[in-house]
Amino acid sequence: KLVLMTRETPFSPIHLENMLKLSRIGVAICPPVPAFYNQPASLDDVINHSVTRVLDLFDIETNLIKRWEGI
């Protein structure tokens, strides 16, 4: 499995075309975009959220973040 964590922005048409080609062959495109819905208290919380999301793609369990348990 291949995960591409693209971080250079803004994406150019060349970036987007290449990411589309990769996505079509099964590559996961996962930019490290900060999430704020989980109300991070520190930069570590922001980083851990991105890392955990990528590790999830490899079915690797961690206890880096508190999981959302629904309503």
PDB file of N, CA and C in Angstrom:
ATOM      1  N   LYS A   1       0.847  -1.177   0.000  1.00  0.00           N
ATOM      2  CA  LYS A   1       0.000   0.000   0.000  1.00  0.00           C
ATOM      3  C   LYS A   1       0.888   1.234   0.000  1.00  0.00           C
ATOM      4  N   LEU A   2       0.480   2.234  -0.760  1.00  0.00           N
ATOM      5  CA  LEU A   2       1.234   3.479  -0.843  1.00  0.00           C
ATOM      6  C   LEU A   2       0.325   4.635  -0.451  1.00  0.00           C
ATOM      7  N   VAL A   3       0.835   5.480   0.441  1.00  0.00           N
ATOM      8  CA  VAL A   3       0.119   6.677   0.871  1.00  0.00           C
ATOM      9  C   VAL A   3       0.982   7.878   0.521  1.00  0.00           C
ATOM     10  N   LEU A   4       0.394   8.843  -0.139  1.00  0.00           N
ATOM     11  CA  LEU A   4       1.097  10.060  -0.522  1.00  0.00           C
ATOM     12  C   LEU A   4       0.592  11.209   0.343  1.00  0.00           C
ATOM     13  N   MET A   5       1.486  11.726   1.193  1.00  0.00           N
ATOM     14  CA  MET A   5       1.121  12.866   2.051  1.00  0.00           C
ATOM     15  C   MET A   5       1.664  14.131   1.399  1.00  0.00           C
ATOM     16  N   THR A   6       0.903  14.660   0.481  1.00  0.00           N
ATOM     17  CA  THR A   6       1.330  15.846  -0.253  1.00  0.00           C
ATOM     18  C   THR A   6       1.206  17.078   0.624  1.00  0.00           C
ATOM     19  N   ARG A   7       2.241  17.895   0.661  1.00  0.00           N
ATOM     20  CA  ARG A   7       2.188  19.063   1.528  1.00  0.00           C
ATOM     21  C   ARG A   7       2.451  20.369   0.801  1.00  0.00           C
ATOM     22  N   GLU A   8       2.967  20.310  -0.409  1.00  0.00           N
ATOM     23  CA  GLU A   8       3.255  21.540  -1.151  1.00  0.00           C
ATOM     24  C   GLU A   8       1.957  22.135  -1.679  1.00  0.00           C
ATOM     25  N   THR A   9       1.711  23.373  -1.323  1.00  0.00           N
ATOM     26  CA  THR A   9       0.516  24.039  -1.816  1.00  0.00           C
ATOM     27  C   THR A   9       0.888  25.428  -2.286  1.00  0.00           C
ATOM     28  N   PRO A  10       0.153  26.010  -3.166  1.00  0.00           N
ATOM     29  CA  PRO A  10      -1.030  25.422  -3.798  1.00  0.00           C
ATOM     30  C   PRO A  10      -0.620  24.347  -4.797  1.00  0.00           C
ATOM     31  N   PHE A  11      -1.531  23.413  -5.029  1.00  0.00           N
ATOM     32  CA  PHE A  11      -1.273  22.363  -6.005  1.00  0.00           C
ATOM     33  C   PHE A  11      -1.369  22.953  -7.410  1.00  0.00           C
ATOM     34  N   SER A  12      -0.401  22.616  -8.219  1.00  0.00           N
ATOM     35  CA  SER A  12      -0.435  23.049  -9.617  1.00  0.00           C
ATOM     36  C   SER A  12      -1.223  22.016 -10.420  1.00  0.00           C
ATOM     37  N   PRO A  13      -1.587  22.354 -11.655  1.00  0.00           N
ATOM     38  CA  PRO A  13      -2.257  21.352 -12.495  1.00  0.00           C
ATOM     39  C   PRO A  13      -1.426  20.076 -12.652  1.00  0.00           C
ATOM     40  N   ILE A  14      -0.112  20.206 -12.688  1.00  0.00           N
ATOM     41  CA  ILE A  14       0.752  19.017 -12.802  1.00  0.00           C
ATOM     42  C   ILE A  14       0.625  18.156 -11.548  1.00  0.00           C
ATOM     43  N   HIS A  15       0.653  18.801 -10.361  1.00  0.00           N
ATOM     44  CA  HIS A  15       0.456  18.047  -9.110  1.00  0.00           C
ATOM     45  C   HIS A  15      -0.862  17.287  -9.154  1.00  0.00           C
ATOM     46  N   LEU A  16      -1.931  18.007  -9.514  1.00  0.00           N
ATOM     47  CA  LEU A  16      -3.265  17.418  -9.497  1.00  0.00           C
ATOM     48  C   LEU A  16      -3.403  16.280 -10.507  1.00  0.00           C
ATOM     49  N   GLU A  17      -2.839  16.444 -11.687  1.00  0.00           N
ATOM     50  CA  GLU A  17      -2.894  15.378 -12.693  1.00  0.00           C
ATOM     51  C   GLU A  17      -2.149  14.141 -12.208  1.00  0.00           C
ATOM     52  N   ASN A  18      -0.982  14.355 -11.617  1.00  0.00           N
ATOM     53  CA  ASN A  18      -0.204  13.219 -11.117  1.00  0.00           C
ATOM     54  C   ASN A  18      -0.910  12.530  -9.948  1.00  0.00           C
ATOM     55  N   MET A  19      -1.512  13.313  -9.052  1.00  0.00           N
ATOM     56  CA  MET A  19      -2.248  12.708  -7.934  1.00  0.00           C
ATOM     57  C   MET A  19      -3.462  11.934  -8.430  1.00  0.00           C
ATOM     58  N   LEU A  20      -4.147  12.450  -9.456  1.00  0.00           N
ATOM     59  CA  LEU A  20      -5.283  11.732 -10.029  1.00  0.00           C
ATOM     60  C   LEU A  20      -4.828  10.402 -10.630  1.00  0.00           C
ATOM     61  N   LYS A  21      -3.736  10.419 -11.372  1.00  0.00           N
ATOM     62  CA  LYS A  21      -3.208   9.176 -11.952  1.00  0.00           C
ATOM     63  C   LYS A  21      -2.861   8.173 -10.858  1.00  0.00           C
ATOM     64  N   LEU A  22      -2.214   8.649  -9.794  1.00  0.00           N
ATOM     65  CA  LEU A  22      -1.848   7.758  -8.689  1.00  0.00           C
ATOM     66  C   LEU A  22      -3.088   7.221  -7.982  1.00  0.00           C
ATOM     67  N   SER A  23      -4.066   8.081  -7.756  1.00  0.00           N
ATOM     68  CA  SER A  23      -5.297   7.656  -7.091  1.00  0.00           C
ATOM     69  C   SER A  23      -6.000   6.571  -7.894  1.00  0.00           C
ATOM     70  N   ARG A  24      -5.987   6.700  -9.193  1.00  0.00           N
ATOM     71  CA  ARG A  24      -6.655   5.722 -10.061  1.00  0.00           C
ATOM     72  C   ARG A  24      -6.000   4.344 -10.003  1.00  0.00           C
ATOM     73  N   ILE A  25      -4.728   4.288  -9.605  1.00  0.00           N
ATOM     74  CA  ILE A  25      -4.065   2.982  -9.485  1.00  0.00           C
ATOM     75  C   ILE A  25      -4.003   2.508  -8.029  1.00  0.00           C
ATOM     76  N   GLY A  26      -4.734   3.198  -7.150  1.00  0.00           N
ATOM     77  CA  GLY A  26      -4.872   2.701  -5.788  1.00  0.00           C
ATOM     78  C   GLY A  26      -4.068   3.400  -4.709  1.00  0.00           C
ATOM     79  N   VAL A  27      -3.336   4.442  -5.067  1.00  0.00           N
ATOM     80  CA  VAL A  27      -2.570   5.184  -4.071  1.00  0.00           C
ATOM     81  C   VAL A  27      -3.525   6.055  -3.264  1.00  0.00           C
ATOM     82  N   ALA A  28      -3.360   6.061  -1.945  1.00  0.00           N
ATOM     83  CA  ALA A  28      -4.166   6.925  -1.079  1.00  0.00           C
ATOM     84  C   ALA A  28      -3.504   8.296  -1.022  1.00  0.00           C
ATOM     85  N   ILE A  29      -4.255   9.326  -1.343  1.00  0.00           N
ATOM     86  CA  ILE A  29      -3.759  10.701  -1.272  1.00  0.00           C
ATOM     87  C   ILE A  29      -4.270  11.274   0.047  1.00  0.00           C
ATOM     88  N   CYS A  30      -3.352  11.612   0.936  1.00  0.00           N
ATOM     89  CA  CYS A  30      -3.738  12.016   2.288  1.00  0.00           C
ATOM     90  C   CYS A  30      -2.920  13.234   2.724  1.00  0.00           C
ATOM     91  N   PRO A  31      -3.297  14.428   2.263  1.00  0.00           N
ATOM     92  CA  PRO A  31      -2.551  15.618   2.681  1.00  0.00           C
ATOM     93  C   PRO A  31      -2.670  15.829   4.191  1.00  0.00           C
ATOM     94  N   PRO A  32      -1.604  16.241   4.835  1.00  0.00           N
ATOM     95  CA  PRO A  32      -1.652  16.472   6.280  1.00  0.00           C
ATOM     96  C   PRO A  32      -2.359  17.791   6.606  1.00  0.00           C
ATOM     97  N   VAL A  33      -3.666  17.795   6.415  1.00  0.00           N
ATOM     98  CA  VAL A  33      -4.481  18.986   6.647  1.00  0.00           C
ATOM     99  C   VAL A  33      -4.909  18.992   8.112  1.00  0.00           C
ATOM    100  N   PRO A  34      -4.624  20.065   8.833  1.00  0.00           N
ATOM    101  CA  PRO A  34      -5.000  20.095  10.251  1.00  0.00           C
ATOM    102  C   PRO A  34      -6.512  20.015  10.431  1.00  0.00           C
ATOM    103  N   ALA A  35      -6.921  19.242  11.415  1.00  0.00           N
ATOM    104  CA  ALA A  35      -8.337  19.136  11.762  1.00  0.00           C
ATOM    105  C   ALA A  35      -8.558  19.911  13.056  1.00  0.00           C
ATOM    106  N   PHE A  36      -9.601  20.718  13.073  1.00  0.00           N
ATOM    107  CA  PHE A  36      -9.881  21.501  14.269  1.00  0.00           C
ATOM    108  C   PHE A  36     -11.198  21.112  14.922  1.00  0.00           C
ATOM    109  N   TYR A  37     -11.959  20.193  14.277  1.00  0.00           N
ATOM    110  CA  TYR A  37     -13.211  19.742  14.876  1.00  0.00           C
ATOM    111  C   TYR A  37     -12.972  18.961  16.163  1.00  0.00           C
ATOM    112  N   ASN A  38     -11.753  18.415  16.313  1.00  0.00           N
ATOM    113  CA  ASN A  38     -11.429  17.654  17.522  1.00  0.00           C
ATOM    114  C   ASN A  38     -10.850  18.544  18.623  1.00  0.00           C
ATOM    115  N   GLN A  39     -10.845  19.840  18.395  1.00  0.00           N
ATOM    116  CA  GLN A  39     -10.386  20.846  19.352  1.00  0.00           C
ATOM    117  C   GLN A  39      -9.000  20.538  19.918  1.00  0.00           C
ATOM    118  N   PRO A  40      -7.980  20.554  19.055  1.00  0.00           N
ATOM    119  CA  PRO A  40      -6.627  20.265  19.529  1.00  0.00           C
ATOM    120  C   PRO A  40      -6.165  21.332  20.528  1.00  0.00           C
ATOM    121  N   ALA A  41      -5.461  20.871  21.548  1.00  0.00           N
ATOM    122  CA  ALA A  41      -4.958  21.787  22.581  1.00  0.00           C
ATOM    123  C   ALA A  41      -3.507  22.168  22.338  1.00  0.00           C
ATOM    124  N   SER A  42      -2.841  21.467  21.412  1.00  0.00           N
ATOM    125  CA  SER A  42      -1.425  21.734  21.173  1.00  0.00           C
ATOM    126  C   SER A  42      -1.053  21.338  19.744  1.00  0.00           C
ATOM    127  N   LEU A  43       0.122  21.729  19.347  1.00  0.00           N
ATOM    128  CA  LEU A  43       0.634  21.323  18.040  1.00  0.00           C
ATOM    129  C   LEU A  43       0.793  19.808  17.979  1.00  0.00           C
ATOM    130  N   ASP A  44       1.184  19.197  19.085  1.00  0.00           N
ATOM    131  CA  ASP A  44       1.281  17.734  19.135  1.00  0.00           C
ATOM    132  C   ASP A  44      -0.060  17.077  18.805  1.00  0.00           C
ATOM    133  N   ASP A  45      -1.153  17.645  19.294  1.00  0.00           N
ATOM    134  CA  ASP A  45      -2.475  17.095  18.997  1.00  0.00           C
ATOM    135  C   ASP A  45      -2.764  17.150  17.496  1.00  0.00           C
ATOM    136  N   VAL A  46      -2.391  18.242  16.847  1.00  0.00           N
ATOM    137  CA  VAL A  46      -2.606  18.392  15.405  1.00  0.00           C
ATOM    138  C   VAL A  46      -1.776  17.360  14.643  1.00  0.00           C
ATOM    139  N   ILE A  47      -0.515  17.223  15.028  1.00  0.00           N
ATOM    140  CA  ILE A  47       0.380  16.268  14.365  1.00  0.00           C
ATOM    141  C   ILE A  47      -0.100  14.841  14.594  1.00  0.00           C
ATOM    142  N   ASN A  48      -0.451  14.522  15.828  1.00  0.00           N
ATOM    143  CA  ASN A  48      -0.903  13.161  16.143  1.00  0.00           C
ATOM    144  C   ASN A  48      -2.154  12.790  15.366  1.00  0.00           C
ATOM    145  N   HIS A  49      -3.022  13.752  15.122  1.00  0.00           N
ATOM    146  CA  HIS A  49      -4.243  13.471  14.353  1.00  0.00           C
ATOM    147  C   HIS A  49      -3.883  13.073  12.918  1.00  0.00           C
ATOM    148  N   SER A  50      -2.983  13.826  12.289  1.00  0.00           N
ATOM    149  CA  SER A  50      -2.576  13.495  10.909  1.00  0.00           C
ATOM    150  C   SER A  50      -1.859  12.148  10.865  1.00  0.00           C
ATOM    151  N   VAL A  51      -0.986  11.910  11.813  1.00  0.00           N
ATOM    152  CA  VAL A  51      -0.240  10.652  11.848  1.00  0.00           C
ATOM    153  C   VAL A  51      -1.196   9.473  12.043  1.00  0.00           C
ATOM    154  N   THR A  52      -2.143   9.630  12.949  1.00  0.00           N
ATOM    155  CA  THR A  52      -3.089   8.547  13.213  1.00  0.00           C
ATOM    156  C   THR A  52      -3.938   8.242  11.989  1.00  0.00           C
ATOM    157  N   ARG A  53      -4.347   9.279  11.268  1.00  0.00           N
ATOM    158  CA  ARG A  53      -5.162   9.048  10.064  1.00  0.00           C
ATOM    159  C   ARG A  53      -4.383   8.249   9.016  1.00  0.00           C
ATOM    160  N   VAL A  54      -3.093   8.526   8.887  1.00  0.00           N
ATOM    161  CA  VAL A  54      -2.284   7.771   7.929  1.00  0.00           C
ATOM    162  C   VAL A  54      -2.069   6.340   8.429  1.00  0.00           C
ATOM    163  N   LEU A  55      -1.767   6.186   9.706  1.00  0.00           N
ATOM    164  CA  LEU A  55      -1.580   4.840  10.247  1.00  0.00           C
ATOM    165  C   LEU A  55      -2.849   4.010  10.125  1.00  0.00           C
ATOM    166  N   ASP A  56      -4.011   4.652  10.237  1.00  0.00           N
ATOM    167  CA  ASP A  56      -5.283   3.955  10.037  1.00  0.00           C
ATOM    168  C   ASP A  56      -5.359   3.319   8.651  1.00  0.00           C
ATOM    169  N   LEU A  57      -4.790   3.981   7.663  1.00  0.00           N
ATOM    170  CA  LEU A  57      -4.803   3.440   6.295  1.00  0.00           C
ATOM    171  C   LEU A  57      -4.021   2.135   6.193  1.00  0.00           C
ATOM    172  N   PHE A  58      -3.101   1.922   7.123  1.00  0.00           N
ATOM    173  CA  PHE A  58      -2.301   0.695   7.166  1.00  0.00           C
ATOM    174  C   PHE A  58      -2.813  -0.272   8.237  1.00  0.00           C
ATOM    175  N   ASP A  59      -3.989   0.038   8.806  1.00  0.00           N
ATOM    176  CA  ASP A  59      -4.582  -0.785   9.872  1.00  0.00           C
ATOM    177  C   ASP A  59      -3.652  -0.913  11.079  1.00  0.00           C
ATOM    178  N   ILE A  60      -2.945   0.168  11.388  1.00  0.00           N
ATOM    179  CA  ILE A  60      -2.075   0.199  12.554  1.00  0.00           C
ATOM    180  C   ILE A  60      -2.782   0.991  13.645  1.00  0.00           C
ATOM    181  N   GLU A  61      -3.069   0.323  14.753  1.00  0.00           N
ATOM    182  CA  GLU A  61      -3.772   0.948  15.869  1.00  0.00           C
ATOM    183  C   GLU A  61      -2.791   1.718  16.749  1.00  0.00           C
ATOM    184  N   THR A  62      -3.204   2.891  17.186  1.00  0.00           N
ATOM    185  CA  THR A  62      -2.419   3.679  18.135  1.00  0.00           C
ATOM    186  C   THR A  62      -3.371   4.263  19.171  1.00  0.00           C
ATOM    187  N   ASN A  63      -2.810   4.822  20.197  1.00  0.00           N
ATOM    188  CA  ASN A  63      -3.623   5.526  21.185  1.00  0.00           C
ATOM    189  C   ASN A  63      -3.233   7.004  21.211  1.00  0.00           C
ATOM    190  N   LEU A  64      -2.842   7.525  20.045  1.00  0.00           N
ATOM    191  CA  LEU A  64      -2.388   8.907  19.953  1.00  0.00           C
ATOM    192  C   LEU A  64      -3.520   9.918  20.068  1.00  0.00           C
ATOM    193  N   ILE A  65      -4.717   9.516  19.660  1.00  0.00           N
ATOM    194  CA  ILE A  65      -5.848  10.453  19.696  1.00  0.00           C
ATOM    195  C   ILE A  65      -7.036   9.783  20.367  1.00  0.00           C
ATOM    196  N   LYS A  66      -7.960  10.602  20.831  1.00  0.00           N
ATOM    197  CA  LYS A  66      -9.219  10.098  21.380  1.00  0.00           C
ATOM    198  C   LYS A  66     -10.168   9.901  20.209  1.00  0.00           C
ATOM    199  N   ARG A  67     -10.695   8.711  20.067  1.00  0.00           N
ATOM    200  CA  ARG A  67     -11.593   8.384  18.968  1.00  0.00           C
ATOM    201  C   ARG A  67     -12.982   8.940  19.218  1.00  0.00           C
ATOM    202  N   TRP A  68     -13.618   9.377  18.139  1.00  0.00           N
ATOM    203  CA  TRP A  68     -14.978   9.841  18.208  1.00  0.00           C
ATOM    204  C   TRP A  68     -15.863   8.623  18.385  1.00  0.00           C
ATOM    205  N   GLU A  69     -16.758   8.666  19.336  1.00  0.00           N
ATOM    206  CA  GLU A  69     -17.592   7.510  19.638  1.00  0.00           C
ATOM    207  C   GLU A  69     -19.044   7.700  19.250  1.00  0.00           C
ATOM    208  N   GLY A  70     -19.355   8.770  18.560  1.00  0.00           N
ATOM    209  CA  GLY A  70     -20.716   9.003  18.116  1.00  0.00           C
ATOM    210  C   GLY A  70     -21.555   9.709  19.175  1.00  0.00           C
ATOM    211  N   ILE A  71     -22.806   9.834  18.847  1.00  0.00           N
ATOM    212  CA  ILE A  71     -23.724  10.575  19.731  1.00  0.00           C
ATOM    213  C   ILE A  71     -24.244   9.691  20.841  1.00  0.00           C
TER     214      ILE A  71
END
